[in-house]
Amino acid sequence: MAKLQGKKKVIVIIASVLVGFGLFALCGLMFAGYRFAWGPFYPLADHYFAKLPGNAEKYAVENVEPLEHSPLEGMDIAFLGSSVTLGASAVRDSFADFIAVRNGADYVKDAVSATTLVEEGLNSYIARLKKMDTERNFDLFVVQLSTNDASTSKPLGAVAGEGKDYNTHTVIGAVEYIRDYVEETWGIPVVFYTNAYYESEQYADMVEALKEVQAEYGEDKVGVIDLYTDEAFNEITEEQRELYMADHIHPTRAGYLLWWTPRMEAYLYDHIAGA
């Protein structure tokens, strides 16, 4: 009897430990969702980020006034990216939404937080790109140079050149593959955009690598909205930075609307004028 009771105690202890670990993991996932818009509880982040001054309702997409006679009016634009394209720290309003609404364009925003250009897993850029509607007549295709590739130290690789085998497990290979796939599928060039400046040697190297790809294919086939090395663009006051950024990578609604969107629109206007 004593032996049986001892076994029961061991089972109870093991079960308690497992339940404890489970609750700890659940709390961790909930915190990651609430604070960082990551994991299965990412919608909880809206409650946190909605309190930021830069995410006030006056900056919301539904309160944006449309522009008159926009060159983008009536176009269909695809946006592919991760949390910055999603607007993870801006209650999921990003430059993609602002550009489309301001300019009277149709759009698809395919954005998943914590995903990479480099091909790995079901949610990487390339995996999602292959699932996009090939019958849709996109006019523009805008792709984020993901900060996640930098933070997870993905290899840069080397430029292969048109029609070659692209190593999609490298940043450059993934960029080349995306360019090739978009051109073959929709017959349009790709415009990549970078983040605004933040301290990261890995991301700085990625920006330079992207420019190498552009030099290989030409600006007409690979557009680059370089927010990272644009010193004038990045010269904002501390007060503006506090309003515009939720952290060193992710903008708020105000950051997208007042800072990023006008700069990106200007590039896109010039890009389609030269197409």
C-alpha atoms as a PDB file:
ATOM      1  CA  MET A   1       0.000   0.000   0.000  1.00  0.00           C
ATOM      2  CA  ALA A   2       2.803   2.403   0.939  1.00  0.00           C
ATOM      3  CA  LYS A   3       4.514   1.585  -2.364  1.00  0.00           C
ATOM      4  CA  LEU A   4       1.311   2.396  -4.289  1.00  0.00           C
ATOM      5  CA  GLN A   5       0.890   5.676  -2.451  1.00  0.00           C
ATOM      6  CA  GLY A   6       4.495   6.550  -3.266  1.00  0.00           C
ATOM      7  CA  LYS A   7       3.865   5.964  -6.958  1.00  0.00           C
ATOM      8  CA  LYS A   8       0.761   8.157  -6.810  1.00  0.00           C
ATOM      9  CA  LYS A   9       2.777  10.944  -5.219  1.00  0.00           C
ATOM     10  CA  VAL A  10       5.377  10.713  -7.978  1.00  0.00           C
ATOM     11  CA  ILE A  11       2.647  10.847 -10.634  1.00  0.00           C
ATOM     12  CA  VAL A  12       1.054  13.875  -8.951  1.00  0.00           C
ATOM     13  CA  ILE A  13       4.420  15.641  -8.751  1.00  0.00           C
ATOM     14  CA  ILE A  14       5.216  14.927 -12.417  1.00  0.00           C
ATOM     15  CA  ALA A  15       1.749  16.069 -13.480  1.00  0.00           C
ATOM     16  CA  SER A  16       2.102  19.256 -11.428  1.00  0.00           C
ATOM     17  CA  VAL A  17       5.484  19.998 -12.994  1.00  0.00           C
ATOM     18  CA  LEU A  18       4.117  19.433 -16.499  1.00  0.00           C
ATOM     19  CA  VAL A  19       1.115  21.661 -15.809  1.00  0.00           C
ATOM     20  CA  GLY A  20       3.457  24.296 -14.404  1.00  0.00           C
ATOM     21  CA  PHE A  21       5.650  24.196 -17.503  1.00  0.00           C
ATOM     22  CA  GLY A  22       2.542  24.368 -19.677  1.00  0.00           C
ATOM     23  CA  LEU A  23       1.214  27.424 -17.854  1.00  0.00           C
ATOM     24  CA  PHE A  24       4.636  29.060 -17.979  1.00  0.00           C
ATOM     25  CA  ALA A  25       4.848  28.471 -21.744  1.00  0.00           C
ATOM     26  CA  LEU A  26       1.300  29.757 -22.226  1.00  0.00           C
ATOM     27  CA  CYS A  27       2.050  32.914 -20.258  1.00  0.00           C
ATOM     28  CA  GLY A  28       5.237  33.387 -22.263  1.00  0.00           C
ATOM     29  CA  LEU A  29       3.359  33.097 -25.548  1.00  0.00           C
ATOM     30  CA  MET A  30       0.672  35.492 -24.338  1.00  0.00           C
ATOM     31  CA  PHE A  31       3.315  38.031 -23.285  1.00  0.00           C
ATOM     32  CA  ALA A  32       5.114  37.670 -26.638  1.00  0.00           C
ATOM     33  CA  GLY A  33       1.828  38.255 -28.414  1.00  0.00           C
ATOM     34  CA  TYR A  34       0.869  41.241 -26.242  1.00  0.00           C
ATOM     35  CA  ARG A  35       4.245  42.994 -26.240  1.00  0.00           C
ATOM     36  CA  PHE A  36       5.878  41.925 -29.511  1.00  0.00           C
ATOM     37  CA  ALA A  37       2.979  40.896 -31.808  1.00  0.00           C
ATOM     38  CA  TRP A  38       4.538  37.451 -32.162  1.00  0.00           C
ATOM     39  CA  GLY A  39       3.111  33.945 -31.902  1.00  0.00           C
ATOM     40  CA  PRO A  40      -0.464  32.658 -31.678  1.00  0.00           C
ATOM     41  CA  PHE A  41      -1.578  35.491 -29.400  1.00  0.00           C
ATOM     42  CA  TYR A  42      -0.271  38.325 -31.610  1.00  0.00           C
ATOM     43  CA  PRO A  43      -3.699  40.097 -31.767  1.00  0.00           C
ATOM     44  CA  LEU A  44      -3.208  40.963 -28.084  1.00  0.00           C
ATOM     45  CA  ALA A  45      -0.515  43.416 -29.217  1.00  0.00           C
ATOM     46  CA  ASP A  46      -3.188  45.729 -30.570  1.00  0.00           C
ATOM     47  CA  HIS A  47      -4.246  46.517 -26.996  1.00  0.00           C
ATOM     48  CA  TYR A  48      -0.686  47.464 -26.058  1.00  0.00           C
ATOM     49  CA  PHE A  49       0.255  49.439 -29.155  1.00  0.00           C
ATOM     50  CA  ALA A  50      -3.089  51.256 -29.400  1.00  0.00           C
ATOM     51  CA  LYS A  51      -2.055  53.238 -26.317  1.00  0.00           C
ATOM     52  CA  LEU A  52       0.958  54.813 -28.052  1.00  0.00           C
ATOM     53  CA  PRO A  53       0.509  58.477 -29.080  1.00  0.00           C
ATOM     54  CA  GLY A  54       1.654  57.618 -32.602  1.00  0.00           C
ATOM     55  CA  ASN A  55      -1.225  55.175 -32.935  1.00  0.00           C
ATOM     56  CA  ALA A  56      -3.971  57.664 -32.093  1.00  0.00           C
ATOM     57  CA  GLU A  57      -7.179  57.365 -34.098  1.00  0.00           C
ATOM     58  CA  LYS A  58      -6.430  60.542 -36.035  1.00  0.00           C
ATOM     59  CA  TYR A  59      -3.613  58.628 -37.756  1.00  0.00           C
ATOM     60  CA  ALA A  60      -5.772  55.594 -38.601  1.00  0.00           C
ATOM     61  CA  VAL A  61      -6.216  54.519 -42.223  1.00  0.00           C
ATOM     62  CA  GLU A  62      -9.958  55.194 -42.147  1.00  0.00           C
ATOM     63  CA  ASN A  63      -9.255  58.852 -41.385  1.00  0.00           C
ATOM     64  CA  VAL A  64      -6.849  59.402 -44.282  1.00  0.00           C
ATOM     65  CA  GLU A  65      -7.846  61.808 -47.043  1.00  0.00           C
ATOM     66  CA  PRO A  66      -7.376  60.524 -50.617  1.00  0.00           C
ATOM     67  CA  LEU A  67      -5.014  62.356 -52.961  1.00  0.00           C
ATOM     68  CA  GLU A  68      -6.295  63.865 -56.183  1.00  0.00           C
ATOM     69  CA  HIS A  69      -5.006  62.713 -59.582  1.00  0.00           C
ATOM     70  CA  SER A  70      -2.547  60.176 -58.169  1.00  0.00           C
ATOM     71  CA  PRO A  71      -0.380  58.275 -60.686  1.00  0.00           C
ATOM     72  CA  LEU A  72      -1.201  55.129 -58.684  1.00  0.00           C
ATOM     73  CA  GLU A  73      -4.963  55.557 -58.943  1.00  0.00           C
ATOM     74  CA  GLY A  74      -6.682  52.412 -60.196  1.00  0.00           C
ATOM     75  CA  MET A  75      -3.532  50.291 -59.961  1.00  0.00           C
ATOM     76  CA  ASP A  76      -3.380  46.904 -58.246  1.00  0.00           C
ATOM     77  CA  ILE A  77      -0.413  46.661 -55.894  1.00  0.00           C
ATOM     78  CA  ALA A  78       0.998  43.604 -54.112  1.00  0.00           C
ATOM     79  CA  PHE A  79       2.903  44.063 -50.853  1.00  0.00           C
ATOM     80  CA  LEU A  80       4.954  41.145 -49.506  1.00  0.00           C
ATOM     81  CA  GLY A  81       6.761  41.263 -46.189  1.00  0.00           C
ATOM     82  CA  SER A  82       6.883  40.627 -42.472  1.00  0.00           C
ATOM     83  CA  SER A  83       5.937  42.670 -39.388  1.00  0.00           C
ATOM     84  CA  VAL A  84       6.924  46.078 -40.787  1.00  0.00           C
ATOM     85  CA  THR A  85       4.739  45.523 -43.842  1.00  0.00           C
ATOM     86  CA  LEU A  86       1.973  44.195 -41.599  1.00  0.00           C
ATOM     87  CA  GLY A  87       2.035  47.203 -39.291  1.00  0.00           C
ATOM     88  CA  ALA A  88       2.490  44.961 -36.269  1.00  0.00           C
ATOM     89  CA  SER A  89       3.205  47.884 -33.930  1.00  0.00           C
ATOM     90  CA  ALA A  90       0.654  50.180 -35.576  1.00  0.00           C
ATOM     91  CA  VAL A  91      -2.544  48.229 -34.936  1.00  0.00           C
ATOM     92  CA  ARG A  92      -1.868  46.610 -38.338  1.00  0.00           C
ATOM     93  CA  ASP A  93      -2.117  49.844 -40.310  1.00  0.00           C
ATOM     94  CA  SER A  94       1.063  50.118 -42.400  1.00  0.00           C
ATOM     95  CA  PHE A  95       2.420  52.134 -45.319  1.00  0.00           C
ATOM     96  CA  ALA A  96       0.792  49.548 -47.606  1.00  0.00           C
ATOM     97  CA  ASP A  97      -2.671  50.509 -46.389  1.00  0.00           C
ATOM     98  CA  PHE A  98      -1.886  54.226 -46.421  1.00  0.00           C
ATOM     99  CA  ILE A  99      -0.472  54.158 -49.959  1.00  0.00           C
ATOM    100  CA  ALA A 100      -3.450  52.216 -51.288  1.00  0.00           C
ATOM    101  CA  VAL A 101      -6.099  54.356 -49.589  1.00  0.00           C
ATOM    102  CA  ARG A 102      -4.412  57.693 -50.282  1.00  0.00           C
ATOM    103  CA  ASN A 103      -3.848  56.860 -53.938  1.00  0.00           C
ATOM    104  CA  GLY A 104      -7.065  55.023 -54.777  1.00  0.00           C
ATOM    105  CA  ALA A 105      -5.332  51.724 -55.517  1.00  0.00           C
ATOM    106  CA  ASP A 106      -6.416  48.131 -54.994  1.00  0.00           C
ATOM    107  CA  TYR A 107      -3.954  46.042 -53.035  1.00  0.00           C
ATOM    108  CA  VAL A 108      -2.973  42.793 -51.394  1.00  0.00           C
ATOM    109  CA  LYS A 109      -0.949  42.943 -48.179  1.00  0.00           C
ATOM    110  CA  ASP A 110       0.651  39.544 -47.613  1.00  0.00           C
ATOM    111  CA  ALA A 111       2.576  40.087 -44.384  1.00  0.00           C
ATOM    112  CA  VAL A 112       3.435  37.683 -41.576  1.00  0.00           C
ATOM    113  CA  SER A 113       5.480  38.708 -38.543  1.00  0.00           C
ATOM    114  CA  ALA A 114       8.892  37.123 -37.895  1.00  0.00           C
ATOM    115  CA  THR A 115       9.251  35.750 -41.434  1.00  0.00           C
ATOM    116  CA  THR A 116      12.285  35.904 -43.707  1.00  0.00           C
ATOM    117  CA  LEU A 117      13.287  36.396 -47.313  1.00  0.00           C
ATOM    118  CA  VAL A 118      15.459  33.308 -46.994  1.00  0.00           C
ATOM    119  CA  GLU A 119      13.433  30.228 -47.802  1.00  0.00           C
ATOM    120  CA  GLU A 120      12.678  28.247 -44.671  1.00  0.00           C
ATOM    121  CA  GLY A 121       9.357  27.074 -43.293  1.00  0.00           C
ATOM    122  CA  LEU A 122       5.824  27.444 -44.568  1.00  0.00           C
ATOM    123  CA  ASN A 123       5.598  31.202 -43.981  1.00  0.00           C
ATOM    124  CA  SER A 124       8.813  32.460 -45.567  1.00  0.00           C
ATOM    125  CA  TYR A 125       8.399  35.035 -48.310  1.00  0.00           C
ATOM    126  CA  ILE A 126       8.925  32.573 -51.147  1.00  0.00           C
ATOM    127  CA  ALA A 127       6.476  30.009 -49.775  1.00  0.00           C
ATOM    128  CA  ARG A 128       3.781  32.685 -49.536  1.00  0.00           C
ATOM    129  CA  LEU A 129       4.691  34.217 -52.886  1.00  0.00           C
ATOM    130  CA  LYS A 130       3.980  30.901 -54.582  1.00  0.00           C
ATOM    131  CA  LYS A 131       0.464  30.897 -53.084  1.00  0.00           C
ATOM    132  CA  MET A 132      -0.499  34.323 -54.421  1.00  0.00           C
ATOM    133  CA  ASP A 133      -3.162  34.580 -57.124  1.00  0.00           C
ATOM    134  CA  THR A 134      -1.367  34.159 -60.442  1.00  0.00           C
ATOM    135  CA  GLU A 135      -4.493  35.305 -62.323  1.00  0.00           C
ATOM    136  CA  ARG A 136      -4.562  38.697 -60.642  1.00  0.00           C
ATOM    137  CA  ASN A 137      -3.211  41.518 -62.807  1.00  0.00           C
ATOM    138  CA  PHE A 138      -0.829  43.292 -60.469  1.00  0.00           C
ATOM    139  CA  ASP A 139       0.693  46.570 -61.664  1.00  0.00           C
ATOM    140  CA  LEU A 140       3.299  46.906 -58.910  1.00  0.00           C
ATOM    141  CA  PHE A 141       4.997  44.455 -56.575  1.00  0.00           C
ATOM    142  CA  VAL A 142       6.600  45.843 -53.403  1.00  0.00           C
ATOM    143  CA  VAL A 143       8.753  43.619 -51.169  1.00  0.00           C
ATOM    144  CA  GLN A 144      10.245  44.279 -47.734  1.00  0.00           C
ATOM    145  CA  LEU A 145      13.940  43.671 -47.123  1.00  0.00           C
ATOM    146  CA  SER A 146      13.202  41.845 -43.899  1.00  0.00           C
ATOM    147  CA  THR A 147      15.006  42.752 -40.695  1.00  0.00           C
ATOM    148  CA  ASN A 148      14.415  39.181 -39.530  1.00  0.00           C
ATOM    149  CA  ASP A 149      17.072  37.874 -41.909  1.00  0.00           C
ATOM    150  CA  ALA A 150      19.544  40.220 -40.225  1.00  0.00           C
ATOM    151  CA  SER A 151      18.502  39.431 -36.652  1.00  0.00           C
ATOM    152  CA  THR A 152      18.773  35.685 -37.326  1.00  0.00           C
ATOM    153  CA  SER A 153      22.086  36.042 -39.217  1.00  0.00           C
ATOM    154  CA  LYS A 154      20.955  34.521 -42.496  1.00  0.00           C
ATOM    155  CA  PRO A 155      23.793  34.165 -45.050  1.00  0.00           C
ATOM    156  CA  LEU A 156      24.038  36.858 -47.719  1.00  0.00           C
ATOM    157  CA  GLY A 157      25.153  34.660 -50.603  1.00  0.00           C
ATOM    158  CA  ALA A 158      26.257  36.016 -53.976  1.00  0.00           C
ATOM    159  CA  VAL A 159      24.582  37.327 -57.123  1.00  0.00           C
ATOM    160  CA  ALA A 160      23.954  34.497 -59.589  1.00  0.00           C
ATOM    161  CA  GLY A 161      22.569  36.447 -62.538  1.00  0.00           C
ATOM    162  CA  GLU A 162      19.430  36.091 -64.612  1.00  0.00           C
ATOM    163  CA  GLY A 163      18.330  32.586 -65.520  1.00  0.00           C
ATOM    164  CA  LYS A 164      20.772  30.892 -63.147  1.00  0.00           C
ATOM    165  CA  ASP A 165      20.051  28.629 -60.190  1.00  0.00           C
ATOM    166  CA  TYR A 166      19.259  30.863 -57.226  1.00  0.00           C
ATOM    167  CA  ASN A 167      20.256  29.740 -53.758  1.00  0.00           C
ATOM    168  CA  THR A 168      17.060  30.702 -51.959  1.00  0.00           C
ATOM    169  CA  HIS A 169      18.613  29.781 -48.623  1.00  0.00           C
ATOM    170  CA  THR A 170      20.616  33.003 -48.891  1.00  0.00           C
ATOM    171  CA  VAL A 171      19.356  36.596 -48.856  1.00  0.00           C
ATOM    172  CA  ILE A 172      20.639  37.480 -52.329  1.00  0.00           C
ATOM    173  CA  GLY A 173      19.405  34.216 -53.813  1.00  0.00           C
ATOM    174  CA  ALA A 174      15.945  34.805 -52.353  1.00  0.00           C
ATOM    175  CA  VAL A 175      15.870  38.373 -53.716  1.00  0.00           C
ATOM    176  CA  GLU A 176      16.848  37.123 -57.179  1.00  0.00           C
ATOM    177  CA  TYR A 177      14.276  34.338 -57.064  1.00  0.00           C
ATOM    178  CA  ILE A 178      11.475  36.716 -56.060  1.00  0.00           C
ATOM    179  CA  ARG A 179      12.421  39.120 -58.852  1.00  0.00           C
ATOM    180  CA  ASP A 180      12.450  36.295 -61.394  1.00  0.00           C
ATOM    181  CA  TYR A 181       9.175  34.750 -60.184  1.00  0.00           C
ATOM    182  CA  VAL A 182       7.307  38.072 -60.227  1.00  0.00           C
ATOM    183  CA  GLU A 183       8.560  38.912 -63.707  1.00  0.00           C
ATOM    184  CA  GLU A 184       7.690  35.471 -65.074  1.00  0.00           C
ATOM    185  CA  THR A 185       4.278  35.332 -63.374  1.00  0.00           C
ATOM    186  CA  TRP A 186       2.937  38.874 -63.678  1.00  0.00           C
ATOM    187  CA  GLY A 187       5.329  40.496 -66.145  1.00  0.00           C
ATOM    188  CA  ILE A 188       6.182  43.372 -63.824  1.00  0.00           C
ATOM    189  CA  PRO A 189       9.338  44.530 -62.021  1.00  0.00           C
ATOM    190  CA  VAL A 190       9.824  44.373 -58.260  1.00  0.00           C
ATOM    191  CA  VAL A 191      10.431  47.272 -55.899  1.00  0.00           C
ATOM    192  CA  PHE A 192      12.211  46.356 -52.664  1.00  0.00           C
ATOM    193  CA  TYR A 193      12.166  48.705 -49.698  1.00  0.00           C
ATOM    194  CA  THR A 194      14.457  48.860 -46.697  1.00  0.00           C
ATOM    195  CA  ASN A 195      13.825  49.834 -43.114  1.00  0.00           C
ATOM    196  CA  ALA A 196      14.697  53.271 -41.830  1.00  0.00           C
ATOM    197  CA  TYR A 197      18.138  53.365 -40.227  1.00  0.00           C
ATOM    198  CA  TYR A 198      18.788  51.367 -37.082  1.00  0.00           C
ATOM    199  CA  GLU A 199      22.097  50.033 -35.794  1.00  0.00           C
ATOM    200  CA  SER A 200      22.740  46.650 -37.389  1.00  0.00           C
ATOM    201  CA  GLU A 201      25.859  45.607 -39.289  1.00  0.00           C
ATOM    202  CA  GLN A 202      23.981  42.624 -40.686  1.00  0.00           C
ATOM    203  CA  TYR A 203      21.146  44.749 -42.049  1.00  0.00           C
ATOM    204  CA  ALA A 204      23.570  47.322 -43.468  1.00  0.00           C
ATOM    205  CA  ASP A 205      25.247  44.461 -45.345  1.00  0.00           C
ATOM    206  CA  MET A 206      21.851  43.314 -46.632  1.00  0.00           C
ATOM    207  CA  VAL A 207      21.101  46.793 -47.976  1.00  0.00           C
ATOM    208  CA  GLU A 208      24.418  46.824 -49.839  1.00  0.00           C
ATOM    209  CA  ALA A 209      23.726  43.327 -51.157  1.00  0.00           C
ATOM    210  CA  LEU A 210      20.329  44.473 -52.433  1.00  0.00           C
ATOM    211  CA  LYS A 211      22.060  47.262 -54.339  1.00  0.00           C
ATOM    212  CA  GLU A 212      24.385  44.680 -55.883  1.00  0.00           C
ATOM    213  CA  VAL A 213      21.334  42.838 -57.187  1.00  0.00           C
ATOM    214  CA  GLN A 214      19.948  46.105 -58.550  1.00  0.00           C
ATOM    215  CA  ALA A 215      23.257  46.807 -60.301  1.00  0.00           C
ATOM    216  CA  GLU A 216      23.112  43.349 -61.903  1.00  0.00           C
ATOM    217  CA  TYR A 217      19.566  43.638 -63.241  1.00  0.00           C
ATOM    218  CA  GLY A 218      19.053  47.394 -63.589  1.00  0.00           C
ATOM    219  CA  GLU A 219      16.719  49.763 -61.750  1.00  0.00           C
ATOM    220  CA  ASP A 220      13.936  49.098 -64.249  1.00  0.00           C
ATOM    221  CA  LYS A 221      13.783  45.483 -63.027  1.00  0.00           C
ATOM    222  CA  VAL A 222      14.802  45.906 -59.386  1.00  0.00           C
ATOM    223  CA  GLY A 223      13.681  49.112 -57.729  1.00  0.00           C
ATOM    224  CA  VAL A 224      15.071  50.004 -54.304  1.00  0.00           C
ATOM    225  CA  ILE A 225      13.419  52.415 -51.879  1.00  0.00           C
ATOM    226  CA  ASP A 226      16.443  52.959 -49.666  1.00  0.00           C
ATOM    227  CA  LEU A 227      15.215  54.399 -46.395  1.00  0.00           C
ATOM    228  CA  TYR A 228      18.228  52.987 -44.559  1.00  0.00           C
ATOM    229  CA  THR A 229      21.108  55.042 -45.959  1.00  0.00           C
ATOM    230  CA  ASP A 230      19.088  58.183 -46.760  1.00  0.00           C
ATOM    231  CA  GLU A 231      20.605  60.605 -44.257  1.00  0.00           C
ATOM    232  CA  ALA A 232      18.126  63.392 -44.945  1.00  0.00           C
ATOM    233  CA  PHE A 233      15.208  61.012 -44.460  1.00  0.00           C
ATOM    234  CA  ASN A 234      16.611  59.768 -41.164  1.00  0.00           C
ATOM    235  CA  GLU A 235      17.251  63.253 -39.750  1.00  0.00           C
ATOM    236  CA  ILE A 236      14.261  63.513 -37.457  1.00  0.00           C
ATOM    237  CA  THR A 237      14.015  65.010 -33.984  1.00  0.00           C
ATOM    238  CA  GLU A 238      13.783  62.940 -30.828  1.00  0.00           C
ATOM    239  CA  GLU A 239      10.196  64.118 -30.427  1.00  0.00           C
ATOM    240  CA  GLN A 240       9.377  62.906 -33.920  1.00  0.00           C
ATOM    241  CA  ARG A 241      11.127  59.595 -33.299  1.00  0.00           C
ATOM    242  CA  GLU A 242       9.093  59.058 -30.149  1.00  0.00           C
ATOM    243  CA  LEU A 243       5.892  59.692 -32.104  1.00  0.00           C
ATOM    244  CA  TYR A 244       6.898  57.806 -35.244  1.00  0.00           C
ATOM    245  CA  MET A 245       8.478  54.639 -33.832  1.00  0.00           C
ATOM    246  CA  ALA A 246       7.188  51.968 -31.451  1.00  0.00           C
ATOM    247  CA  ASP A 247      10.735  50.609 -31.176  1.00  0.00           C
ATOM    248  CA  HIS A 248      13.963  50.831 -33.193  1.00  0.00           C
ATOM    249  CA  ILE A 249      12.466  48.846 -36.105  1.00  0.00           C
ATOM    250  CA  HIS A 250       8.675  49.180 -36.133  1.00  0.00           C
ATOM    251  CA  PRO A 251       6.853  52.427 -36.977  1.00  0.00           C
ATOM    252  CA  THR A 252       3.587  53.581 -35.469  1.00  0.00           C
ATOM    253  CA  ARG A 253       0.663  54.757 -37.587  1.00  0.00           C
ATOM    254  CA  ALA A 254       2.064  58.291 -37.455  1.00  0.00           C
ATOM    255  CA  GLY A 255       5.470  57.039 -38.537  1.00  0.00           C
ATOM    256  CA  TYR A 256       4.040  55.285 -41.557  1.00  0.00           C
ATOM    257  CA  LEU A 257       1.664  58.088 -42.514  1.00  0.00           C
ATOM    258  CA  LEU A 258       3.788  61.176 -41.916  1.00  0.00           C
ATOM    259  CA  TRP A 259       7.319  59.827 -42.407  1.00  0.00           C
ATOM    260  CA  TRP A 260       7.519  56.692 -44.564  1.00  0.00           C
ATOM    261  CA  THR A 261       4.514  56.929 -46.887  1.00  0.00           C
ATOM    262  CA  PRO A 262       5.338  60.251 -48.621  1.00  0.00           C
ATOM    263  CA  ARG A 263       8.906  59.079 -49.306  1.00  0.00           C
ATOM    264  CA  MET A 264       7.748  55.732 -50.674  1.00  0.00           C
ATOM    265  CA  GLU A 265       5.020  57.320 -52.778  1.00  0.00           C
ATOM    266  CA  ALA A 266       7.520  59.713 -54.348  1.00  0.00           C
ATOM    267  CA  TYR A 267       9.717  56.799 -55.399  1.00  0.00           C
ATOM    268  CA  LEU A 268       6.798  54.817 -56.800  1.00  0.00           C
ATOM    269  CA  TYR A 269       5.575  57.814 -58.807  1.00  0.00           C
ATOM    270  CA  ASP A 270       9.012  58.204 -60.396  1.00  0.00           C
ATOM    271  CA  HIS A 271       9.348  54.455 -60.875  1.00  0.00           C
ATOM    272  CA  ILE A 272       6.152  54.035 -62.861  1.00  0.00           C
ATOM    273  CA  ALA A 273       6.865  57.221 -64.830  1.00  0.00           C
ATOM    274  CA  GLY A 274      10.122  55.674 -65.989  1.00  0.00           C
ATOM    275  CA  ALA A 275       8.649  52.228 -66.662  1.00  0.00           C
END
